[in-house]
């Protein structure tokens, strides 16, 4: 996949400030990656560019597709999404928790997505050193959410 061609739509909607159109483009690209191209056929530049568009801010209807694909990547241990030595885990947790904070991820609307997020977070919490390192890189609002306070 040549990143430049795939992203022209997102870049053009970002420059207009039309958040809804931008997030619809991100969702459409996520679906293309998942259902047509396949995550194993994505290169590092493509995955990193896609990650740079997250979190989304408004579209709770498309969030299940966008964050679902993000979880597909991390659950399959995609090296580009996770980064070397899993260095992108704090950013991934920040993206997911921001989705919960800004209400684009709602447990009532997408219980399966929330279950996947919780399972992913619980798997990380089992390694106390890793979890502590992740928390150190998160904003306070995200730490509060993750602590359940």
N, C-alpha and C. Protein backbone atom coordinates (compact mmCIF):
# COMPACT_ATOMS: atom_id res chain seq x y z
N UNK A 1 0.86 -1.17 0.00
CA UNK A 1 0.00 0.00 0.00
C UNK A 1 0.89 1.23 0.00
N UNK A 2 0.67 2.13 -0.92
CA UNK A 2 1.43 3.36 -0.95
C UNK A 2 0.70 4.39 -0.10
N UNK A 3 1.33 4.77 1.00
CA UNK A 3 0.70 5.63 1.99
C UNK A 3 0.20 6.94 1.40
N UNK A 4 0.96 7.55 0.53
CA UNK A 4 0.59 8.85 0.00
C UNK A 4 -0.79 8.83 -0.64
N UNK A 5 -1.07 7.84 -1.45
CA UNK A 5 -2.36 7.76 -2.13
C UNK A 5 -3.50 7.46 -1.18
N UNK A 6 -3.26 6.62 -0.20
CA UNK A 6 -4.31 6.23 0.72
C UNK A 6 -4.75 7.39 1.60
N UNK A 7 -3.84 8.29 1.93
CA UNK A 7 -4.12 9.30 2.93
C UNK A 7 -4.57 10.65 2.40
N UNK A 8 -4.62 10.81 1.11
CA UNK A 8 -5.00 12.11 0.56
C UNK A 8 -6.37 12.57 1.05
N UNK A 9 -7.31 11.66 1.17
CA UNK A 9 -8.65 12.02 1.64
C UNK A 9 -8.62 12.53 3.08
N UNK A 10 -7.88 11.85 3.93
CA UNK A 10 -7.81 12.28 5.33
C UNK A 10 -7.14 13.63 5.44
N UNK A 11 -6.05 13.81 4.74
CA UNK A 11 -5.33 15.09 4.79
C UNK A 11 -6.23 16.22 4.30
N UNK A 12 -6.96 15.99 3.24
CA UNK A 12 -7.82 17.05 2.72
C UNK A 12 -8.95 17.38 3.69
N UNK A 13 -9.51 16.39 4.39
CA UNK A 13 -10.57 16.69 5.35
C UNK A 13 -10.01 17.34 6.60
N UNK A 14 -8.79 16.98 6.99
CA UNK A 14 -8.17 17.62 8.15
C UNK A 14 -7.95 19.10 7.90
N UNK A 15 -7.55 19.44 6.68
CA UNK A 15 -7.24 20.84 6.37
C UNK A 15 -8.51 21.70 6.34
N UNK A 16 -9.67 21.09 6.15
CA UNK A 16 -10.92 21.86 6.15
C UNK A 16 -11.49 22.01 7.56
N UNK A 17 -10.95 21.26 8.50
CA UNK A 17 -11.45 21.33 9.87
C UNK A 17 -12.76 20.59 10.06
N UNK A 18 -13.14 19.76 9.13
CA UNK A 18 -14.38 19.01 9.22
C UNK A 18 -14.11 17.69 9.93
N UNK A 19 -14.26 17.70 11.25
CA UNK A 19 -13.91 16.54 12.07
C UNK A 19 -14.74 15.31 11.69
N UNK A 20 -16.01 15.50 11.41
CA UNK A 20 -16.86 14.36 11.06
C UNK A 20 -16.36 13.67 9.79
N UNK A 21 -16.04 14.46 8.78
CA UNK A 21 -15.54 13.88 7.53
C UNK A 21 -14.20 13.20 7.75
N UNK A 22 -13.34 13.82 8.54
CA UNK A 22 -12.03 13.24 8.83
C UNK A 22 -12.19 11.89 9.52
N UNK A 23 -13.04 11.82 10.52
CA UNK A 23 -13.21 10.58 11.26
C UNK A 23 -13.90 9.51 10.43
N UNK A 24 -14.78 9.91 9.52
CA UNK A 24 -15.36 8.94 8.59
C UNK A 24 -14.29 8.38 7.66
N UNK A 25 -13.36 9.22 7.23
CA UNK A 25 -12.25 8.75 6.38
C UNK A 25 -11.36 7.78 7.15
N UNK A 26 -11.06 8.12 8.40
CA UNK A 26 -10.23 7.24 9.22
C UNK A 26 -10.92 5.88 9.38
N UNK A 27 -12.21 5.90 9.62
CA UNK A 27 -12.95 4.65 9.76
C UNK A 27 -12.94 3.85 8.46
N UNK A 28 -13.16 4.53 7.34
CA UNK A 28 -13.16 3.84 6.05
C UNK A 28 -11.80 3.20 5.77
N UNK A 29 -10.74 3.94 6.06
CA UNK A 29 -9.39 3.40 5.85
C UNK A 29 -9.14 2.22 6.79
N UNK A 30 -9.62 2.32 8.03
CA UNK A 30 -9.47 1.21 8.98
C UNK A 30 -10.16 -0.05 8.46
N UNK A 31 -11.35 0.12 7.90
CA UNK A 31 -12.10 -1.02 7.35
C UNK A 31 -11.39 -1.60 6.13
N UNK A 32 -10.82 -0.74 5.30
CA UNK A 32 -10.06 -1.23 4.13
C UNK A 32 -8.85 -2.02 4.60
N UNK A 33 -8.14 -1.49 5.57
CA UNK A 33 -6.97 -2.20 6.11
C UNK A 33 -7.39 -3.57 6.65
N UNK A 34 -8.46 -3.60 7.40
CA UNK A 34 -8.88 -4.85 8.05
C UNK A 34 -9.45 -5.86 7.06
N UNK A 35 -10.35 -5.42 6.21
CA UNK A 35 -11.12 -6.37 5.41
C UNK A 35 -10.59 -6.60 3.99
N UNK A 36 -9.80 -5.68 3.47
CA UNK A 36 -9.34 -5.82 2.09
C UNK A 36 -7.83 -6.05 2.03
N UNK A 37 -7.08 -5.16 2.64
CA UNK A 37 -5.62 -5.25 2.54
C UNK A 37 -5.06 -6.28 3.52
N UNK A 38 -5.55 -6.27 4.74
CA UNK A 38 -5.06 -7.18 5.76
C UNK A 38 -3.89 -6.57 6.50
N UNK A 39 -3.91 -6.70 7.82
CA UNK A 39 -2.89 -6.05 8.64
C UNK A 39 -1.48 -6.56 8.38
N UNK A 40 -1.34 -7.77 7.90
CA UNK A 40 -0.01 -8.31 7.62
C UNK A 40 0.63 -7.67 6.39
N UNK A 41 -0.18 -6.99 5.60
CA UNK A 41 0.33 -6.35 4.38
C UNK A 41 0.57 -4.85 4.54
N UNK A 42 0.48 -4.35 5.76
CA UNK A 42 0.71 -2.94 6.01
C UNK A 42 2.16 -2.70 6.39
N UNK A 43 2.74 -1.63 5.86
CA UNK A 43 4.13 -1.33 6.21
C UNK A 43 4.16 -0.39 7.42
N UNK A 44 5.36 -0.17 7.93
CA UNK A 44 5.52 0.63 9.13
C UNK A 44 5.01 2.06 8.95
N UNK A 45 5.33 2.69 7.83
CA UNK A 45 4.90 4.07 7.59
C UNK A 45 3.38 4.17 7.59
N UNK A 46 2.73 3.19 7.01
CA UNK A 46 1.26 3.19 6.94
C UNK A 46 0.66 3.08 8.34
N UNK A 47 1.15 2.13 9.13
CA UNK A 47 0.63 1.93 10.48
C UNK A 47 0.89 3.16 11.34
N UNK A 48 2.08 3.71 11.27
CA UNK A 48 2.42 4.87 12.10
C UNK A 48 1.60 6.10 11.70
N UNK A 49 1.37 6.28 10.43
CA UNK A 49 0.54 7.40 9.98
C UNK A 49 -0.88 7.22 10.49
N UNK A 50 -1.42 6.01 10.34
CA UNK A 50 -2.77 5.73 10.82
C UNK A 50 -2.87 6.00 12.32
N UNK A 51 -1.90 5.52 13.09
CA UNK A 51 -1.91 5.76 14.54
C UNK A 51 -1.86 7.24 14.88
N UNK A 52 -1.18 8.03 14.04
CA UNK A 52 -1.05 9.46 14.33
C UNK A 52 -2.39 10.20 14.24
N UNK A 53 -3.38 9.59 13.62
CA UNK A 53 -4.70 10.21 13.51
C UNK A 53 -5.57 9.97 14.74
N UNK A 54 -5.12 9.12 15.63
CA UNK A 54 -5.91 8.73 16.79
C UNK A 54 -5.46 9.51 18.02
N UNK A 55 -6.36 9.72 18.96
CA UNK A 55 -7.73 9.24 19.04
C UNK A 55 -8.68 10.11 18.21
N UNK A 56 -9.82 9.54 17.90
CA UNK A 56 -10.86 10.35 17.27
C UNK A 56 -11.56 11.13 18.38
N UNK A 57 -12.29 12.17 17.99
CA UNK A 57 -12.86 13.07 19.00
C UNK A 57 -14.39 13.09 19.05
N UNK A 58 -15.06 12.68 17.97
CA UNK A 58 -16.50 12.89 17.93
C UNK A 58 -17.33 11.67 17.54
N UNK A 59 -16.88 10.86 16.64
CA UNK A 59 -17.73 9.89 15.96
C UNK A 59 -17.82 8.58 16.73
N UNK A 60 -18.78 8.52 17.65
CA UNK A 60 -18.93 7.30 18.45
C UNK A 60 -19.51 6.14 17.65
N UNK A 61 -20.12 6.41 16.49
CA UNK A 61 -20.61 5.33 15.65
C UNK A 61 -19.47 4.60 14.93
N UNK A 62 -18.47 5.33 14.52
CA UNK A 62 -17.34 4.73 13.81
C UNK A 62 -16.24 4.24 14.74
N UNK A 63 -16.31 4.61 16.01
CA UNK A 63 -15.25 4.25 16.95
C UNK A 63 -15.04 2.75 17.05
N UNK A 64 -16.12 1.99 16.96
CA UNK A 64 -15.99 0.53 17.08
C UNK A 64 -15.10 -0.03 15.99
N UNK A 65 -15.14 0.55 14.80
CA UNK A 65 -14.32 0.08 13.69
C UNK A 65 -12.87 0.54 13.85
N UNK A 66 -12.70 1.77 14.25
CA UNK A 66 -11.36 2.34 14.38
C UNK A 66 -10.62 1.70 15.55
N UNK A 67 -11.22 1.74 16.73
CA UNK A 67 -10.56 1.17 17.90
C UNK A 67 -10.53 -0.36 17.85
N UNK A 68 -11.51 -0.93 17.19
CA UNK A 68 -11.49 -2.38 16.98
C UNK A 68 -10.29 -2.80 16.17
N UNK A 69 -9.99 -2.03 15.12
CA UNK A 69 -8.81 -2.34 14.31
C UNK A 69 -7.52 -2.11 15.10
N UNK A 70 -7.49 -1.07 15.92
CA UNK A 70 -6.32 -0.86 16.78
C UNK A 70 -6.11 -2.07 17.67
N UNK A 71 -7.17 -2.58 18.26
CA UNK A 71 -7.04 -3.77 19.11
C UNK A 71 -6.65 -5.00 18.30
N UNK A 72 -7.14 -5.10 17.06
CA UNK A 72 -6.70 -6.20 16.20
C UNK A 72 -5.18 -6.17 16.06
N UNK A 73 -4.65 -4.97 15.84
CA UNK A 73 -3.20 -4.84 15.66
C UNK A 73 -2.44 -5.24 16.92
N UNK A 74 -2.86 -4.74 18.08
CA UNK A 74 -2.11 -5.05 19.30
C UNK A 74 -2.32 -6.49 19.74
N UNK A 75 -3.52 -7.02 19.55
CA UNK A 75 -3.77 -8.41 19.95
C UNK A 75 -2.98 -9.39 19.09
N UNK A 76 -2.71 -9.01 17.85
CA UNK A 76 -1.91 -9.86 16.97
C UNK A 76 -0.41 -9.55 17.10
N UNK A 77 -0.10 -8.66 18.03
CA UNK A 77 1.30 -8.27 18.30
C UNK A 77 1.98 -7.67 17.07
N UNK A 78 1.25 -6.83 16.35
CA UNK A 78 1.79 -6.15 15.17
C UNK A 78 2.99 -5.30 15.60
N UNK A 79 4.15 -5.61 15.05
CA UNK A 79 5.39 -4.95 15.49
C UNK A 79 5.39 -3.46 15.18
N UNK A 80 4.70 -3.05 14.13
CA UNK A 80 4.67 -1.63 13.79
C UNK A 80 3.79 -0.86 14.76
N UNK A 81 2.66 -1.43 15.13
CA UNK A 81 1.77 -0.77 16.09
C UNK A 81 2.40 -0.73 17.48
N UNK A 82 2.97 -1.85 17.90
CA UNK A 82 3.55 -1.92 19.25
C UNK A 82 4.88 -1.17 19.36
N UNK A 83 5.62 -1.11 18.27
CA UNK A 83 6.94 -0.48 18.30
C UNK A 83 7.98 -1.43 18.83
N UNK A 84 9.25 -1.01 18.69
CA UNK A 84 10.36 -1.82 19.21
C UNK A 84 10.22 -1.93 20.72
N UNK A 85 10.36 -3.15 21.22
CA UNK A 85 10.25 -3.41 22.65
C UNK A 85 8.95 -2.88 23.24
N UNK A 86 7.90 -2.87 22.44
CA UNK A 86 6.57 -2.40 22.86
C UNK A 86 6.56 -0.95 23.34
N UNK A 87 7.43 -0.14 22.75
CA UNK A 87 7.55 1.25 23.18
C UNK A 87 6.31 2.10 22.90
N UNK A 88 5.42 1.63 22.05
CA UNK A 88 4.20 2.39 21.74
C UNK A 88 3.03 2.08 22.68
N UNK A 89 3.22 1.15 23.60
CA UNK A 89 2.12 0.79 24.50
C UNK A 89 1.55 1.99 25.26
N UNK A 90 2.37 2.88 25.81
CA UNK A 90 1.77 4.04 26.49
C UNK A 90 0.89 4.88 25.56
N UNK A 91 1.32 5.06 24.32
CA UNK A 91 0.51 5.82 23.36
C UNK A 91 -0.79 5.09 23.04
N UNK A 92 -0.72 3.79 22.92
CA UNK A 92 -1.93 3.01 22.63
C UNK A 92 -2.92 3.09 23.79
N UNK A 93 -2.41 2.97 25.01
CA UNK A 93 -3.28 3.09 26.19
C UNK A 93 -3.86 4.51 26.26
N UNK A 94 -3.05 5.50 25.95
CA UNK A 94 -3.53 6.89 25.96
C UNK A 94 -4.64 7.08 24.93
N UNK A 95 -4.47 6.51 23.74
CA UNK A 95 -5.49 6.60 22.69
C UNK A 95 -6.79 5.97 23.16
N UNK A 96 -6.71 4.77 23.71
CA UNK A 96 -7.91 4.06 24.15
C UNK A 96 -8.59 4.78 25.32
N UNK A 97 -7.82 5.23 26.29
CA UNK A 97 -8.44 5.91 27.43
C UNK A 97 -9.01 7.27 27.01
N UNK A 98 -8.37 7.93 26.07
CA UNK A 98 -8.92 9.20 25.57
C UNK A 98 -10.26 8.95 24.89
N UNK A 99 -10.39 7.84 24.18
CA UNK A 99 -11.66 7.48 23.58
C UNK A 99 -12.76 7.30 24.61
N UNK A 100 -12.41 6.76 25.76
CA UNK A 100 -13.39 6.58 26.84
C UNK A 100 -13.71 7.94 27.46
N UNK A 101 -12.68 8.74 27.70
CA UNK A 101 -12.87 10.06 28.30
C UNK A 101 -13.73 10.95 27.41
N UNK A 102 -13.46 10.97 26.10
CA UNK A 102 -14.22 11.85 25.21
C UNK A 102 -15.52 11.22 24.73
N UNK A 103 -15.82 10.04 25.25
CA UNK A 103 -17.08 9.33 25.00
C UNK A 103 -17.28 8.88 23.55
N UNK A 104 -16.20 8.71 22.81
CA UNK A 104 -16.34 8.05 21.52
C UNK A 104 -16.36 6.54 21.71
N UNK A 105 -15.91 6.08 22.86
CA UNK A 105 -16.04 4.68 23.25
C UNK A 105 -16.99 4.65 24.44
N UNK A 106 -18.15 4.03 24.25
CA UNK A 106 -19.16 3.94 25.30
C UNK A 106 -19.49 2.47 25.52
N UNK A 107 -19.41 2.05 26.77
CA UNK A 107 -19.67 0.64 27.06
C UNK A 107 -21.11 0.25 26.73
N UNK A 108 -22.05 1.16 26.86
CA UNK A 108 -23.44 0.84 26.53
C UNK A 108 -23.63 0.61 25.04
N UNK A 109 -22.94 1.40 24.22
CA UNK A 109 -23.10 1.31 22.77
C UNK A 109 -22.26 0.19 22.16
N UNK A 110 -21.10 -0.06 22.73
CA UNK A 110 -20.16 -1.03 22.17
C UNK A 110 -19.58 -1.92 23.27
N UNK A 111 -20.41 -2.76 23.91
CA UNK A 111 -19.91 -3.56 25.03
C UNK A 111 -18.79 -4.52 24.63
N UNK A 112 -18.81 -5.05 23.40
CA UNK A 112 -17.75 -5.97 22.99
C UNK A 112 -16.41 -5.24 22.87
N UNK A 113 -16.46 -4.01 22.36
CA UNK A 113 -15.23 -3.21 22.25
C UNK A 113 -14.69 -2.92 23.65
N UNK A 114 -15.56 -2.54 24.56
CA UNK A 114 -15.12 -2.23 25.93
C UNK A 114 -14.54 -3.48 26.59
N UNK A 115 -15.14 -4.63 26.34
CA UNK A 115 -14.62 -5.89 26.90
C UNK A 115 -13.22 -6.17 26.37
N UNK A 116 -13.01 -5.93 25.09
CA UNK A 116 -11.67 -6.13 24.50
C UNK A 116 -10.66 -5.16 25.11
N UNK A 117 -11.06 -3.92 25.29
CA UNK A 117 -10.16 -2.93 25.89
C UNK A 117 -9.80 -3.35 27.31
N UNK A 118 -10.80 -3.73 28.08
CA UNK A 118 -10.54 -4.15 29.45
C UNK A 118 -9.62 -5.37 29.51
N UNK A 119 -9.82 -6.32 28.62
CA UNK A 119 -8.97 -7.52 28.60
C UNK A 119 -7.54 -7.14 28.24
N UNK A 120 -7.38 -6.22 27.29
CA UNK A 120 -6.05 -5.77 26.90
C UNK A 120 -5.35 -5.08 28.07
N UNK A 121 -6.07 -4.20 28.75
CA UNK A 121 -5.49 -3.49 29.89
C UNK A 121 -5.15 -4.46 31.01
N UNK A 122 -6.04 -5.38 31.30
CA UNK A 122 -5.76 -6.38 32.35
C UNK A 122 -4.53 -7.21 32.02
N UNK A 123 -4.34 -7.55 30.75
CA UNK A 123 -3.16 -8.32 30.36
C UNK A 123 -1.88 -7.52 30.62
N UNK A 124 -1.93 -6.23 30.42
CA UNK A 124 -0.76 -5.38 30.67
C UNK A 124 -0.51 -5.21 32.16
N UNK A 125 -1.58 -5.13 32.94
CA UNK A 125 -1.44 -4.92 34.39
C UNK A 125 -0.80 -6.11 35.08
N UNK A 126 -0.82 -7.27 34.45
CA UNK A 126 -0.20 -8.46 35.05
C UNK A 126 1.31 -8.31 35.17
N UNK A 127 1.90 -7.47 34.34
CA UNK A 127 3.34 -7.20 34.42
C UNK A 127 3.49 -5.84 35.11
N UNK A 128 3.74 -5.87 36.42
CA UNK A 128 3.75 -4.65 37.22
C UNK A 128 4.77 -3.62 36.74
N UNK A 129 5.94 -4.08 36.33
CA UNK A 129 6.97 -3.15 35.86
C UNK A 129 6.55 -2.46 34.57
N UNK A 130 6.00 -3.23 33.66
CA UNK A 130 5.53 -2.67 32.39
C UNK A 130 4.38 -1.70 32.65
N UNK A 131 3.42 -2.10 33.49
CA UNK A 131 2.27 -1.26 33.76
C UNK A 131 2.69 0.05 34.42
N UNK A 132 3.61 -0.03 35.34
CA UNK A 132 4.12 1.17 36.00
C UNK A 132 4.78 2.12 34.99
N UNK A 133 5.55 1.56 34.07
CA UNK A 133 6.20 2.38 33.03
C UNK A 133 5.17 3.03 32.12
N UNK A 134 4.10 2.32 31.82
CA UNK A 134 3.02 2.88 30.99
C UNK A 134 2.35 4.03 31.73
N UNK A 135 1.99 3.80 32.99
CA UNK A 135 1.31 4.83 33.77
C UNK A 135 2.15 6.09 33.91
N UNK A 136 3.46 5.92 34.02
CA UNK A 136 4.36 7.08 34.16
C UNK A 136 4.26 8.03 32.97
N UNK A 137 3.84 7.51 31.83
CA UNK A 137 3.80 8.33 30.61
C UNK A 137 2.40 8.86 30.28
N UNK A 138 1.44 8.60 31.16
CA UNK A 138 0.06 9.02 30.90
C UNK A 138 -0.30 10.29 31.67
N UNK A 139 -1.20 11.09 31.10
CA UNK A 139 -1.72 12.26 31.83
C UNK A 139 -2.52 11.81 33.05
N UNK A 140 -2.64 12.68 34.02
CA UNK A 140 -3.32 12.34 35.27
C UNK A 140 -4.77 11.89 35.04
N UNK A 141 -5.48 12.53 34.11
CA UNK A 141 -6.87 12.15 33.86
C UNK A 141 -6.98 10.70 33.39
N UNK A 142 -6.01 10.25 32.65
CA UNK A 142 -6.01 8.87 32.17
C UNK A 142 -5.68 7.91 33.30
N UNK A 143 -4.76 8.31 34.17
CA UNK A 143 -4.42 7.46 35.33
C UNK A 143 -5.63 7.30 36.24
N UNK A 144 -6.37 8.37 36.45
CA UNK A 144 -7.56 8.31 37.29
C UNK A 144 -8.58 7.35 36.71
N UNK A 145 -8.80 7.45 35.40
CA UNK A 145 -9.74 6.54 34.72
C UNK A 145 -9.30 5.08 34.91
N UNK A 146 -8.01 4.83 34.72
CA UNK A 146 -7.51 3.46 34.82
C UNK A 146 -7.51 2.92 36.25
N UNK A 147 -7.46 3.82 37.23
CA UNK A 147 -7.48 3.36 38.61
C UNK A 147 -8.91 3.13 39.11
N UNK A 148 -9.89 3.56 38.30
CA UNK A 148 -11.28 3.35 38.66
C UNK A 148 -11.82 4.32 39.68
N UNK A 149 -11.10 5.41 39.91
CA UNK A 149 -11.56 6.41 40.90
C UNK A 149 -12.57 7.35 40.32
